């Protein structure tokens, strides 16, 4: 029996549907070595101890807003590895290896979604590139951090992630809270884009609780996933539409709110985004303020975030890939390596 175009009810707005390789197949193709597994496990444990006050060091998540050039990303990892060794007694440096970018409307959605930077959206290749690059960063001796945006992505790369974030746009999402409850690494929830803290507090409560939700298995089969809850979650203050929230009075209020809800008062502060007024040149002042609060005895501040690259600022995108400036962001504006190094060495000397 034939159906007229007027009576079709499925896939009316779908142009294509391309199967992905099963997570188990991709993980077999790009294998995690035992040495890498040990490094990830050790890094996760160190981060957990910082979150719960057993390690007095400051956790610093820093690196490019997004990875778009593998060569410059690897150079950044090499530089960070050398710098981390110099400050390892005071700071634990973890590299931002961000492959997924949330968009308010439209735009480049990251290396997993569009690895060619040309709109071809070759997601299977993007997943392979992401997994391979994470392996290279870990082989540099640098712990990895990312924002997990799509709930399917972790099955392909989560075993190579030491710390992850749920962004301001998705902190209120039930899907992401459920996903976080099953993740194996420590994780931070950002406050909402309007600056509200309560959504992040509720997100931590949800993510630390057992959940059952729709997902995929390692074989790539749609499945019901049940979790035990992730006990290693914390909040990230990133400012909001009404202004920054990194100052001491904000930190004190948030710590009290967390304690009142029976949660660990562990607070990471993002020196970028609305805390910097979305001006990368303000990041150093915010970061120094965070360090001052720590030196004044506020140990509820367990970490800080910096958007940093080899070259400062950002460049217009889209444009032809061969015209892109090496080491400069194509998403948010970043501070350059020279300023990054100065800030980290200064922080280590002050703490």
C-alpha atoms as a PDB file:
ATOM      1  CA  UNK A   1       0.000   0.000   0.000  1.00  0.00           C
ATOM      2  CA  UNK A   2       1.410   3.378  -1.009  1.00  0.00           C
ATOM      3  CA  UNK A   3       0.981   6.531   1.030  1.00  0.00           C
ATOM      4  CA  UNK A   4       0.640   9.973  -0.458  1.00  0.00           C
ATOM      5  CA  UNK A   5       3.037  12.678   0.681  1.00  0.00           C
ATOM      6  CA  UNK A   6       0.075  14.333   2.435  1.00  0.00           C
ATOM      7  CA  UNK A   7      -0.405  11.322   4.737  1.00  0.00           C
ATOM      8  CA  UNK A   8       3.229  10.884   5.856  1.00  0.00           C
ATOM      9  CA  UNK A   9       3.661  11.422   9.608  1.00  0.00           C
ATOM     10  CA  UNK A  10       7.311  10.467  10.272  1.00  0.00           C
ATOM     11  CA  UNK A  11      10.647  12.175   9.507  1.00  0.00           C
ATOM     12  CA  UNK A  12       9.019  15.062   7.689  1.00  0.00           C
ATOM     13  CA  UNK A  13      11.889  17.381   8.641  1.00  0.00           C
ATOM     14  CA  UNK A  14      14.727  14.831   8.728  1.00  0.00           C
ATOM     15  CA  UNK A  15      17.224  15.096   5.894  1.00  0.00           C
ATOM     16  CA  UNK A  16      19.417  12.129   6.851  1.00  0.00           C
ATOM     17  CA  UNK A  17      20.004   9.639   9.659  1.00  0.00           C
ATOM     18  CA  UNK A  18      23.561   8.289   9.770  1.00  0.00           C
ATOM     19  CA  UNK A  19      24.325   5.395  12.164  1.00  0.00           C
ATOM     20  CA  UNK A  20      27.216   5.921  14.591  1.00  0.00           C
ATOM     21  CA  UNK A  21      29.775   3.251  15.408  1.00  0.00           C
ATOM     22  CA  UNK A  22      28.965   1.469  18.659  1.00  0.00           C
ATOM     23  CA  UNK A  23      30.888   2.973  21.597  1.00  0.00           C
ATOM     24  CA  UNK A  24      32.549  -0.381  22.264  1.00  0.00           C
ATOM     25  CA  UNK A  25      33.756  -0.545  18.666  1.00  0.00           C
ATOM     26  CA  UNK A  26      35.279   2.952  18.741  1.00  0.00           C
ATOM     27  CA  UNK A  27      36.877   2.334  22.137  1.00  0.00           C
ATOM     28  CA  UNK A  28      38.378  -0.878  20.737  1.00  0.00           C
ATOM     29  CA  UNK A  29      39.632   0.979  17.664  1.00  0.00           C
ATOM     30  CA  UNK A  30      41.256   3.712  19.787  1.00  0.00           C
ATOM     31  CA  UNK A  31      42.231   1.792  22.870  1.00  0.00           C
ATOM     32  CA  UNK A  32      42.934   3.168  26.326  1.00  0.00           C
ATOM     33  CA  UNK A  33      46.241   1.839  27.632  1.00  0.00           C
ATOM     34  CA  UNK A  34      46.680   0.630  31.185  1.00  0.00           C
ATOM     35  CA  UNK A  35      49.023   3.546  31.853  1.00  0.00           C
ATOM     36  CA  UNK A  36      46.360   5.991  30.675  1.00  0.00           C
ATOM     37  CA  UNK A  37      43.729   4.315  32.840  1.00  0.00           C
ATOM     38  CA  UNK A  38      45.976   4.594  35.894  1.00  0.00           C
ATOM     39  CA  UNK A  39      46.652   8.261  35.175  1.00  0.00           C
ATOM     40  CA  UNK A  40      42.942   9.070  34.787  1.00  0.00           C
ATOM     41  CA  UNK A  41      42.069   7.205  37.995  1.00  0.00           C
ATOM     42  CA  UNK A  42      44.847   8.968  39.917  1.00  0.00           C
ATOM     43  CA  UNK A  43      43.859  12.404  38.578  1.00  0.00           C
ATOM     44  CA  UNK A  44      40.192  11.849  39.439  1.00  0.00           C
ATOM     45  CA  UNK A  45      41.127  10.825  42.965  1.00  0.00           C
ATOM     46  CA  UNK A  46      43.271  13.936  43.424  1.00  0.00           C
ATOM     47  CA  UNK A  47      40.408  16.144  42.230  1.00  0.00           C
ATOM     48  CA  UNK A  48      37.966  14.411  44.591  1.00  0.00           C
ATOM     49  CA  UNK A  49      40.322  15.031  47.508  1.00  0.00           C
ATOM     50  CA  UNK A  50      40.535  18.716  46.619  1.00  0.00           C
ATOM     51  CA  UNK A  51      36.733  18.992  46.417  1.00  0.00           C
ATOM     52  CA  UNK A  52      36.307  17.446  49.869  1.00  0.00           C
ATOM     53  CA  UNK A  53      39.155  19.322  51.541  1.00  0.00           C
ATOM     54  CA  UNK A  54      41.590  16.437  51.896  1.00  0.00           C
ATOM     55  CA  UNK A  55      44.085  18.031  49.479  1.00  0.00           C
ATOM     56  CA  UNK A  56      44.908  21.714  50.176  1.00  0.00           C
ATOM     57  CA  UNK A  57      45.891  22.521  46.608  1.00  0.00           C
ATOM     58  CA  UNK A  58      43.795  24.720  44.319  1.00  0.00           C
ATOM     59  CA  UNK A  59      42.252  23.027  41.288  1.00  0.00           C
ATOM     60  CA  UNK A  60      42.639  25.133  38.137  1.00  0.00           C
ATOM     61  CA  UNK A  61      40.776  24.185  34.953  1.00  0.00           C
ATOM     62  CA  UNK A  62      42.385  26.103  32.105  1.00  0.00           C
ATOM     63  CA  UNK A  63      42.839  25.995  28.379  1.00  0.00           C
ATOM     64  CA  UNK A  64      41.187  26.901  25.092  1.00  0.00           C
ATOM     65  CA  UNK A  65      37.498  27.758  25.021  1.00  0.00           C
ATOM     66  CA  UNK A  66      37.241  24.956  22.459  1.00  0.00           C
ATOM     67  CA  UNK A  67      39.594  22.656  20.577  1.00  0.00           C
ATOM     68  CA  UNK A  68      39.502  23.321  16.846  1.00  0.00           C
ATOM     69  CA  UNK A  69      43.154  22.855  15.791  1.00  0.00           C
ATOM     70  CA  UNK A  70      44.799  19.637  16.966  1.00  0.00           C
ATOM     71  CA  UNK A  71      48.317  20.944  16.434  1.00  0.00           C
ATOM     72  CA  UNK A  72      47.916  24.073  18.543  1.00  0.00           C
ATOM     73  CA  UNK A  73      45.900  22.112  21.119  1.00  0.00           C
ATOM     74  CA  UNK A  74      48.755  19.628  21.483  1.00  0.00           C
ATOM     75  CA  UNK A  75      51.266  22.477  21.800  1.00  0.00           C
ATOM     76  CA  UNK A  76      49.158  23.980  24.571  1.00  0.00           C
ATOM     77  CA  UNK A  77      49.125  20.602  26.363  1.00  0.00           C
ATOM     78  CA  UNK A  78      52.926  20.367  26.108  1.00  0.00           C
ATOM     79  CA  UNK A  79      53.327  23.851  27.563  1.00  0.00           C
ATOM     80  CA  UNK A  80      50.832  23.123  30.324  1.00  0.00           C
ATOM     81  CA  UNK A  81      52.635  19.920  31.261  1.00  0.00           C
ATOM     82  CA  UNK A  82      55.859  21.837  31.863  1.00  0.00           C
ATOM     83  CA  UNK A  83      54.085  24.571  33.834  1.00  0.00           C
ATOM     84  CA  UNK A  84      52.140  22.076  35.953  1.00  0.00           C
ATOM     85  CA  UNK A  85      55.353  20.447  37.137  1.00  0.00           C
ATOM     86  CA  UNK A  86      56.600  23.798  38.464  1.00  0.00           C
ATOM     87  CA  UNK A  87      53.511  24.441  40.620  1.00  0.00           C
ATOM     88  CA  UNK A  88      52.344  20.931  41.493  1.00  0.00           C
ATOM     89  CA  UNK A  89      52.794  21.479  45.238  1.00  0.00           C
ATOM     90  CA  UNK A  90      50.247  24.330  45.282  1.00  0.00           C
ATOM     91  CA  UNK A  91      48.051  23.857  42.201  1.00  0.00           C
ATOM     92  CA  UNK A  92      46.574  20.969  40.248  1.00  0.00           C
ATOM     93  CA  UNK A  93      46.322  22.092  36.626  1.00  0.00           C
ATOM     94  CA  UNK A  94      43.739  20.394  34.401  1.00  0.00           C
ATOM     95  CA  UNK A  95      43.404  21.206  30.688  1.00  0.00           C
ATOM     96  CA  UNK A  96      40.144  22.280  29.092  1.00  0.00           C
ATOM     97  CA  UNK A  97      39.646  19.852  26.206  1.00  0.00           C
ATOM     98  CA  UNK A  98      36.231  21.074  25.080  1.00  0.00           C
ATOM     99  CA  UNK A  99      34.763  19.391  21.988  1.00  0.00           C
ATOM    100  CA  UNK A 100      31.089  20.394  22.319  1.00  0.00           C
ATOM    101  CA  UNK A 101      29.871  23.999  22.316  1.00  0.00           C
ATOM    102  CA  UNK A 102      26.337  24.993  23.297  1.00  0.00           C
ATOM    103  CA  UNK A 103      24.754  27.668  21.128  1.00  0.00           C
ATOM    104  CA  UNK A 104      22.137  30.255  22.042  1.00  0.00           C
ATOM    105  CA  UNK A 105      20.884  30.151  18.441  1.00  0.00           C
ATOM    106  CA  UNK A 106      23.218  28.704  15.781  1.00  0.00           C
ATOM    107  CA  UNK A 107      26.952  28.440  15.138  1.00  0.00           C
ATOM    108  CA  UNK A 108      29.847  25.977  15.124  1.00  0.00           C
ATOM    109  CA  UNK A 109      28.965  23.298  17.684  1.00  0.00           C
ATOM    110  CA  UNK A 110      32.430  21.915  18.280  1.00  0.00           C
ATOM    111  CA  UNK A 111      34.939  19.429  16.929  1.00  0.00           C
ATOM    112  CA  UNK A 112      32.802  16.352  17.597  1.00  0.00           C
ATOM    113  CA  UNK A 113      29.860  17.775  15.674  1.00  0.00           C
ATOM    114  CA  UNK A 114      31.840  19.379  12.834  1.00  0.00           C
ATOM    115  CA  UNK A 115      35.473  18.191  12.790  1.00  0.00           C
ATOM    116  CA  UNK A 116      36.082  19.604   9.308  1.00  0.00           C
ATOM    117  CA  UNK A 117      35.021  23.105  10.368  1.00  0.00           C
ATOM    118  CA  UNK A 118      33.112  23.202   7.094  1.00  0.00           C
ATOM    119  CA  UNK A 119      29.529  22.298   7.923  1.00  0.00           C
ATOM    120  CA  UNK A 120      29.826  18.669   6.820  1.00  0.00           C
ATOM    121  CA  UNK A 121      29.008  17.475  10.362  1.00  0.00           C
ATOM    122  CA  UNK A 122      30.938  14.199  10.186  1.00  0.00           C
ATOM    123  CA  UNK A 123      30.132  13.124  13.745  1.00  0.00           C
ATOM    124  CA  UNK A 124      31.651   9.597  13.533  1.00  0.00           C
ATOM    125  CA  UNK A 125      34.972  11.161  12.524  1.00  0.00           C
ATOM    126  CA  UNK A 126      34.560  13.830  15.205  1.00  0.00           C
ATOM    127  CA  UNK A 127      34.226  11.165  17.885  1.00  0.00           C
ATOM    128  CA  UNK A 128      37.363   9.413  16.630  1.00  0.00           C
ATOM    129  CA  UNK A 129      39.332  12.669  16.604  1.00  0.00           C
ATOM    130  CA  UNK A 130      38.140  13.573  20.097  1.00  0.00           C
ATOM    131  CA  UNK A 131      39.108  10.221  21.565  1.00  0.00           C
ATOM    132  CA  UNK A 132      42.512  10.243  19.867  1.00  0.00           C
ATOM    133  CA  UNK A 133      43.272  13.784  21.032  1.00  0.00           C
ATOM    134  CA  UNK A 134      42.320  13.017  24.636  1.00  0.00           C
ATOM    135  CA  UNK A 135      44.790  10.122  24.544  1.00  0.00           C
ATOM    136  CA  UNK A 136      47.553  12.458  23.405  1.00  0.00           C
ATOM    137  CA  UNK A 137      46.845  14.989  26.158  1.00  0.00           C
ATOM    138  CA  UNK A 138      46.911  12.262  28.805  1.00  0.00           C
ATOM    139  CA  UNK A 139      50.180  10.956  27.381  1.00  0.00           C
ATOM    140  CA  UNK A 140      51.588  14.448  28.059  1.00  0.00           C
ATOM    141  CA  UNK A 141      50.823  13.859  31.729  1.00  0.00           C
ATOM    142  CA  UNK A 142      48.046  16.455  31.729  1.00  0.00           C
ATOM    143  CA  UNK A 143      44.621  15.702  33.291  1.00  0.00           C
ATOM    144  CA  UNK A 144      41.657  16.381  30.994  1.00  0.00           C
ATOM    145  CA  UNK A 145      38.453  18.390  31.464  1.00  0.00           C
ATOM    146  CA  UNK A 146      35.454  18.894  29.213  1.00  0.00           C
ATOM    147  CA  UNK A 147      31.846  20.025  29.139  1.00  0.00           C
ATOM    148  CA  UNK A 148      29.538  17.131  28.332  1.00  0.00           C
ATOM    149  CA  UNK A 149      26.685  18.422  26.233  1.00  0.00           C
ATOM    150  CA  UNK A 150      25.140  15.515  24.349  1.00  0.00           C
ATOM    151  CA  UNK A 151      24.069  12.603  26.597  1.00  0.00           C
ATOM    152  CA  UNK A 152      25.361  10.045  24.090  1.00  0.00           C
ATOM    153  CA  UNK A 153      28.906  11.446  23.885  1.00  0.00           C
ATOM    154  CA  UNK A 154      30.210  10.127  27.245  1.00  0.00           C
ATOM    155  CA  UNK A 155      29.967   6.531  26.091  1.00  0.00           C
ATOM    156  CA  UNK A 156      32.680   7.311  23.545  1.00  0.00           C
ATOM    157  CA  UNK A 157      35.126   9.466  25.534  1.00  0.00           C
ATOM    158  CA  UNK A 158      34.288   9.525  29.267  1.00  0.00           C
ATOM    159  CA  UNK A 159      36.955   6.973  30.218  1.00  0.00           C
ATOM    160  CA  UNK A 160      39.585   9.545  29.144  1.00  0.00           C
ATOM    161  CA  UNK A 161      38.057  12.484  31.071  1.00  0.00           C
ATOM    162  CA  UNK A 162      39.328  13.405  34.559  1.00  0.00           C
ATOM    163  CA  UNK A 163      36.808  16.178  35.358  1.00  0.00           C
ATOM    164  CA  UNK A 164      33.735  17.449  33.565  1.00  0.00           C
ATOM    165  CA  UNK A 165      31.265  20.315  33.677  1.00  0.00           C
ATOM    166  CA  UNK A 166      27.593  20.816  33.007  1.00  0.00           C
ATOM    167  CA  UNK A 167      27.142  24.276  31.522  1.00  0.00           C
ATOM    168  CA  UNK A 168      24.909  27.152  32.529  1.00  0.00           C
ATOM    169  CA  UNK A 169      22.432  26.417  29.722  1.00  0.00           C
ATOM    170  CA  UNK A 170      22.019  22.757  30.725  1.00  0.00           C
ATOM    171  CA  UNK A 171      22.281  22.826  34.527  1.00  0.00           C
ATOM    172  CA  UNK A 172      18.473  22.930  34.709  1.00  0.00           C
ATOM    173  CA  UNK A 173      18.110  20.049  32.241  1.00  0.00           C
ATOM    174  CA  UNK A 174      16.792  16.812  33.736  1.00  0.00           C
ATOM    175  CA  UNK A 175      18.577  14.884  30.992  1.00  0.00           C
ATOM    176  CA  UNK A 176      21.964  16.289  31.993  1.00  0.00           C
ATOM    177  CA  UNK A 177      21.381  15.831  35.720  1.00  0.00           C
ATOM    178  CA  UNK A 178      20.522  12.187  35.077  1.00  0.00           C
ATOM    179  CA  UNK A 179      23.548  11.744  32.847  1.00  0.00           C
ATOM    180  CA  UNK A 180      25.796  13.289  35.516  1.00  0.00           C
ATOM    181  CA  UNK A 181      24.490  10.811  38.093  1.00  0.00           C
ATOM    182  CA  UNK A 182      26.120   7.987  36.162  1.00  0.00           C
ATOM    183  CA  UNK A 183      29.432   9.604  35.262  1.00  0.00           C
ATOM    184  CA  UNK A 184      32.600   8.246  36.851  1.00  0.00           C
ATOM    185  CA  UNK A 185      34.532  11.500  37.160  1.00  0.00           C
ATOM    186  CA  UNK A 186      34.055  14.481  39.530  1.00  0.00           C
ATOM    187  CA  UNK A 187      31.851  17.116  38.007  1.00  0.00           C
ATOM    188  CA  UNK A 188      30.874  20.773  38.395  1.00  0.00           C
ATOM    189  CA  UNK A 189      27.491  22.364  37.722  1.00  0.00           C
ATOM    190  CA  UNK A 190      27.508  26.010  36.675  1.00  0.00           C
ATOM    191  CA  UNK A 191      24.946  28.449  38.004  1.00  0.00           C
ATOM    192  CA  UNK A 192      22.208  29.364  35.505  1.00  0.00           C
ATOM    193  CA  UNK A 193      22.743  32.019  32.833  1.00  0.00           C
ATOM    194  CA  UNK A 194      20.588  34.471  34.783  1.00  0.00           C
ATOM    195  CA  UNK A 195      22.919  34.059  37.751  1.00  0.00           C
ATOM    196  CA  UNK A 196      20.560  31.940  39.845  1.00  0.00           C
ATOM    197  CA  UNK A 197      22.274  29.533  42.245  1.00  0.00           C
ATOM    198  CA  UNK A 198      19.289  27.322  43.105  1.00  0.00           C
ATOM    199  CA  UNK A 199      19.263  25.419  39.778  1.00  0.00           C
ATOM    200  CA  UNK A 200      22.859  24.316  40.371  1.00  0.00           C
ATOM    201  CA  UNK A 201      22.072  23.320  43.959  1.00  0.00           C
ATOM    202  CA  UNK A 202      19.111  21.261  42.749  1.00  0.00           C
ATOM    203  CA  UNK A 203      21.274  19.787  39.997  1.00  0.00           C
ATOM    204  CA  UNK A 204      23.833  18.554  42.537  1.00  0.00           C
ATOM    205  CA  UNK A 205      21.039  16.994  44.594  1.00  0.00           C
ATOM    206  CA  UNK A 206      19.686  15.208  41.522  1.00  0.00           C
ATOM    207  CA  UNK A 207      23.080  14.067  40.237  1.00  0.00           C
ATOM    208  CA  UNK A 208      24.125  12.620  43.598  1.00  0.00           C
ATOM    209  CA  UNK A 209      20.938  10.540  43.720  1.00  0.00           C
ATOM    210  CA  UNK A 210      20.172   7.244  41.925  1.00  0.00           C
ATOM    211  CA  UNK A 211      18.474   7.765  38.568  1.00  0.00           C
ATOM    212  CA  UNK A 212      17.020   5.705  35.743  1.00  0.00           C
ATOM    213  CA  UNK A 213      16.859   7.179  32.263  1.00  0.00           C
ATOM    214  CA  UNK A 214      17.060   6.463  28.543  1.00  0.00           C
ATOM    215  CA  UNK A 215      20.543   5.975  27.132  1.00  0.00           C
ATOM    216  CA  UNK A 216      22.666   3.715  24.958  1.00  0.00           C
ATOM    217  CA  UNK A 217      24.752   0.697  25.886  1.00  0.00           C
ATOM    218  CA  UNK A 218      28.381   0.118  24.921  1.00  0.00           C
ATOM    219  CA  UNK A 219      26.977  -1.945  22.050  1.00  0.00           C
ATOM    220  CA  UNK A 220      25.048   1.086  20.807  1.00  0.00           C
ATOM    221  CA  UNK A 221      21.634  -0.258  21.761  1.00  0.00           C
ATOM    222  CA  UNK A 222      18.959   2.011  23.229  1.00  0.00           C
ATOM    223  CA  UNK A 223      18.634   1.057  26.873  1.00  0.00           C
ATOM    224  CA  UNK A 224      17.325   1.984  30.315  1.00  0.00           C
ATOM    225  CA  UNK A 225      20.310   3.139  32.372  1.00  0.00           C
ATOM    226  CA  UNK A 226      20.141   2.961  36.167  1.00  0.00           C
ATOM    227  CA  UNK A 227      22.777   4.719  38.284  1.00  0.00           C
ATOM    228  CA  UNK A 228      23.937   4.906  41.888  1.00  0.00           C
ATOM    229  CA  UNK A 229      24.403   8.690  41.786  1.00  0.00           C
ATOM    230  CA  UNK A 230      27.665  10.624  41.488  1.00  0.00           C
ATOM    231  CA  UNK A 231      28.830  11.747  44.973  1.00  0.00           C
ATOM    232  CA  UNK A 232      31.627  13.968  43.653  1.00  0.00           C
ATOM    233  CA  UNK A 233      29.759  17.045  42.408  1.00  0.00           C
ATOM    234  CA  UNK A 234      30.311  20.729  43.166  1.00  0.00           C
ATOM    235  CA  UNK A 235      29.111  24.157  42.051  1.00  0.00           C
ATOM    236  CA  UNK A 236      30.779  26.585  39.625  1.00  0.00           C
ATOM    237  CA  UNK A 237      30.111  30.306  39.896  1.00  0.00           C
ATOM    238  CA  UNK A 238      30.271  31.913  36.444  1.00  0.00           C
ATOM    239  CA  UNK A 239      28.296  35.130  36.939  1.00  0.00           C
ATOM    240  CA  UNK A 240      25.012  35.892  35.224  1.00  0.00           C
ATOM    241  CA  UNK A 241      22.877  38.420  33.439  1.00  0.00           C
ATOM    242  CA  UNK A 242      22.871  40.654  36.530  1.00  0.00           C
ATOM    243  CA  UNK A 243      26.653  40.699  36.827  1.00  0.00           C
ATOM    244  CA  UNK A 244      29.537  38.757  38.406  1.00  0.00           C
ATOM    245  CA  UNK A 245      29.349  36.525  41.460  1.00  0.00           C
ATOM    246  CA  UNK A 246      32.990  35.832  42.271  1.00  0.00           C
ATOM    247  CA  UNK A 247      33.393  38.314  45.138  1.00  0.00           C
ATOM    248  CA  UNK A 248      33.796  37.218  48.752  1.00  0.00           C
ATOM    249  CA  UNK A 249      30.236  38.123  49.712  1.00  0.00           C
ATOM    250  CA  UNK A 250      28.847  35.938  46.915  1.00  0.00           C
ATOM    251  CA  UNK A 251      31.077  33.028  47.871  1.00  0.00           C
ATOM    252  CA  UNK A 252      30.011  33.258  51.511  1.00  0.00           C
ATOM    253  CA  UNK A 253      26.314  33.283  50.569  1.00  0.00           C
ATOM    254  CA  UNK A 254      26.646  30.327  48.214  1.00  0.00           C
ATOM    255  CA  UNK A 255      28.640  28.282  50.760  1.00  0.00           C
ATOM    256  CA  UNK A 256      25.874  28.853  53.310  1.00  0.00           C
ATOM    257  CA  UNK A 257      23.221  27.850  50.759  1.00  0.00           C
ATOM    258  CA  UNK A 258      25.054  24.623  49.970  1.00  0.00           C
ATOM    259  CA  UNK A 259      25.435  23.742  53.639  1.00  0.00           C
ATOM    260  CA  UNK A 260      21.759  24.450  54.308  1.00  0.00           C
ATOM    261  CA  UNK A 261      20.934  21.912  51.608  1.00  0.00           C
ATOM    262  CA  UNK A 262      23.225  19.290  53.119  1.00  0.00           C
ATOM    263  CA  UNK A 263      25.872  19.648  50.400  1.00  0.00           C
ATOM    264  CA  UNK A 264      29.632  20.044  50.534  1.00  0.00           C
ATOM    265  CA  UNK A 265      30.399  23.825  50.375  1.00  0.00           C
ATOM    266  CA  UNK A 266      32.917  23.266  47.567  1.00  0.00           C
ATOM    267  CA  UNK A 267      32.985  26.203  45.162  1.00  0.00           C
ATOM    268  CA  UNK A 268      34.846  26.653  41.896  1.00  0.00           C
ATOM    269  CA  UNK A 269      34.895  30.115  40.334  1.00  0.00           C
ATOM    270  CA  UNK A 270      34.996  30.725  36.593  1.00  0.00           C
ATOM    271  CA  UNK A 271      37.112  33.819  35.891  1.00  0.00           C
ATOM    272  CA  UNK A 272      35.602  34.087  32.404  1.00  0.00           C
ATOM    273  CA  UNK A 273      32.041  34.422  31.053  1.00  0.00           C
ATOM    274  CA  UNK A 274      29.862  36.827  33.040  1.00  0.00           C
ATOM    275  CA  UNK A 275      32.390  37.037  35.870  1.00  0.00           C
ATOM    276  CA  UNK A 276      34.695  38.842  33.453  1.00  0.00           C
ATOM    277  CA  UNK A 277      31.908  40.760  31.741  1.00  0.00           C
ATOM    278  CA  UNK A 278      32.696  38.530  28.727  1.00  0.00           C
ATOM    279  CA  UNK A 279      35.940  40.502  28.315  1.00  0.00           C
ATOM    280  CA  UNK A 280      38.995  38.239  28.377  1.00  0.00           C
ATOM    281  CA  UNK A 281      41.187  41.137  29.522  1.00  0.00           C
ATOM    282  CA  UNK A 282      39.317  41.108  32.857  1.00  0.00           C
ATOM    283  CA  UNK A 283      40.131  37.477  33.600  1.00  0.00           C
ATOM    284  CA  UNK A 284      43.472  38.189  35.329  1.00  0.00           C
ATOM    285  CA  UNK A 285      41.846  40.572  37.844  1.00  0.00           C
ATOM    286  CA  UNK A 286      39.114  38.049  38.628  1.00  0.00           C
ATOM    287  CA  UNK A 287      41.647  35.252  39.022  1.00  0.00           C
ATOM    288  CA  UNK A 288      43.795  37.342  41.350  1.00  0.00           C
ATOM    289  CA  UNK A 289      40.715  38.126  43.430  1.00  0.00           C
ATOM    290  CA  UNK A 290      40.046  34.390  43.743  1.00  0.00           C
ATOM    291  CA  UNK A 291      43.616  33.815  44.938  1.00  0.00           C
ATOM    292  CA  UNK A 292      43.279  36.637  47.441  1.00  0.00           C
ATOM    293  CA  UNK A 293      40.163  35.041  48.888  1.00  0.00           C
ATOM    294  CA  UNK A 294      42.064  31.773  49.282  1.00  0.00           C
ATOM    295  CA  UNK A 295      45.035  33.435  50.930  1.00  0.00           C
ATOM    296  CA  UNK A 296      42.564  35.146  53.290  1.00  0.00           C
ATOM    297  CA  UNK A 297      41.491  31.707  54.455  1.00  0.00           C
ATOM    298  CA  UNK A 298      38.388  30.849  52.411  1.00  0.00           C
ATOM    299  CA  UNK A 299      39.002  27.179  51.778  1.00  0.00           C
ATOM    300  CA  UNK A 300      35.482  26.701  50.432  1.00  0.00           C
ATOM    301  CA  UNK A 301      36.982  27.921  47.162  1.00  0.00           C
ATOM    302  CA  UNK A 302      38.401  24.683  45.784  1.00  0.00           C
ATOM    303  CA  UNK A 303      39.090  25.760  42.222  1.00  0.00           C
ATOM    304  CA  UNK A 304      39.132  28.311  39.435  1.00  0.00           C
ATOM    305  CA  UNK A 305      38.627  28.312  35.674  1.00  0.00           C
ATOM    306  CA  UNK A 306      40.474  30.267  32.977  1.00  0.00           C
ATOM    307  CA  UNK A 307      39.870  30.454  29.226  1.00  0.00           C
ATOM    308  CA  UNK A 308      43.370  30.533  27.843  1.00  0.00           C
ATOM    309  CA  UNK A 309      45.081  29.889  24.525  1.00  0.00           C
ATOM    310  CA  UNK A 310      48.440  30.456  22.864  1.00  0.00           C
ATOM    311  CA  UNK A 311      47.262  33.716  21.267  1.00  0.00           C
ATOM    312  CA  UNK A 312      44.896  36.147  22.986  1.00  0.00           C
ATOM    313  CA  UNK A 313      41.417  37.100  21.818  1.00  0.00           C
ATOM    314  CA  UNK A 314      39.402  35.273  19.184  1.00  0.00           C
ATOM    315  CA  UNK A 315      38.956  35.318  15.436  1.00  0.00           C
ATOM    316  CA  UNK A 316      35.969  35.475  13.160  1.00  0.00           C
ATOM    317  CA  UNK A 317      34.479  32.139  12.209  1.00  0.00           C
ATOM    318  CA  UNK A 318      33.391  30.692   9.844  1.00  0.00           C
ATOM    319  CA  UNK A 319      36.190  31.443   7.417  1.00  0.00           C
ATOM    320  CA  UNK A 320      38.513  29.219   5.347  1.00  0.00           C
ATOM    321  CA  UNK A 321      40.494  26.954   7.679  1.00  0.00           C
ATOM    322  CA  UNK A 322      43.795  27.817   6.002  1.00  0.00           C
ATOM    323  CA  UNK A 323      43.273  31.485   6.920  1.00  0.00           C
ATOM    324  CA  UNK A 324      42.818  30.848  10.641  1.00  0.00           C
ATOM    325  CA  UNK A 325      45.408  32.279  13.026  1.00  0.00           C
ATOM    326  CA  UNK A 326      47.351  29.490  14.740  1.00  0.00           C
ATOM    327  CA  UNK A 327      46.627  29.176  18.446  1.00  0.00           C
ATOM    328  CA  UNK A 328      43.744  31.663  18.576  1.00  0.00           C
ATOM    329  CA  UNK A 329      40.200  30.785  19.628  1.00  0.00           C
ATOM    330  CA  UNK A 330      37.304  30.594  17.163  1.00  0.00           C
ATOM    331  CA  UNK A 331      34.756  30.717  19.988  1.00  0.00           C
ATOM    332  CA  UNK A 332      35.144  32.763  23.219  1.00  0.00           C
ATOM    333  CA  UNK A 333      38.029  35.198  23.604  1.00  0.00           C
ATOM    334  CA  UNK A 334      40.939  33.850  25.659  1.00  0.00           C
ATOM    335  CA  UNK A 335      43.966  35.239  27.472  1.00  0.00           C
ATOM    336  CA  UNK A 336      47.306  34.345  25.875  1.00  0.00           C
ATOM    337  CA  UNK A 337      49.941  31.910  27.116  1.00  0.00           C
ATOM    338  CA  UNK A 338      52.279  34.578  28.507  1.00  0.00           C
ATOM    339  CA  UNK A 339      49.571  35.985  30.795  1.00  0.00           C
ATOM    340  CA  UNK A 340      48.429  32.482  31.709  1.00  0.00           C
ATOM    341  CA  UNK A 341      51.904  31.447  32.796  1.00  0.00           C
ATOM    342  CA  UNK A 342      52.375  34.652  34.802  1.00  0.00           C
ATOM    343  CA  UNK A 343      49.048  34.161  36.601  1.00  0.00           C
ATOM    344  CA  UNK A 344      49.738  30.532  37.492  1.00  0.00           C
ATOM    345  CA  UNK A 345      53.269  31.174  38.771  1.00  0.00           C
ATOM    346  CA  UNK A 346      52.040  34.187  40.748  1.00  0.00           C
ATOM    347  CA  UNK A 347      49.215  32.152  42.276  1.00  0.00           C
ATOM    348  CA  UNK A 348      51.600  29.373  43.315  1.00  0.00           C
ATOM    349  CA  UNK A 349      53.907  31.876  45.003  1.00  0.00           C
ATOM    350  CA  UNK A 350      51.010  33.468  46.916  1.00  0.00           C
ATOM    351  CA  UNK A 351      49.263  30.336  48.108  1.00  0.00           C
END
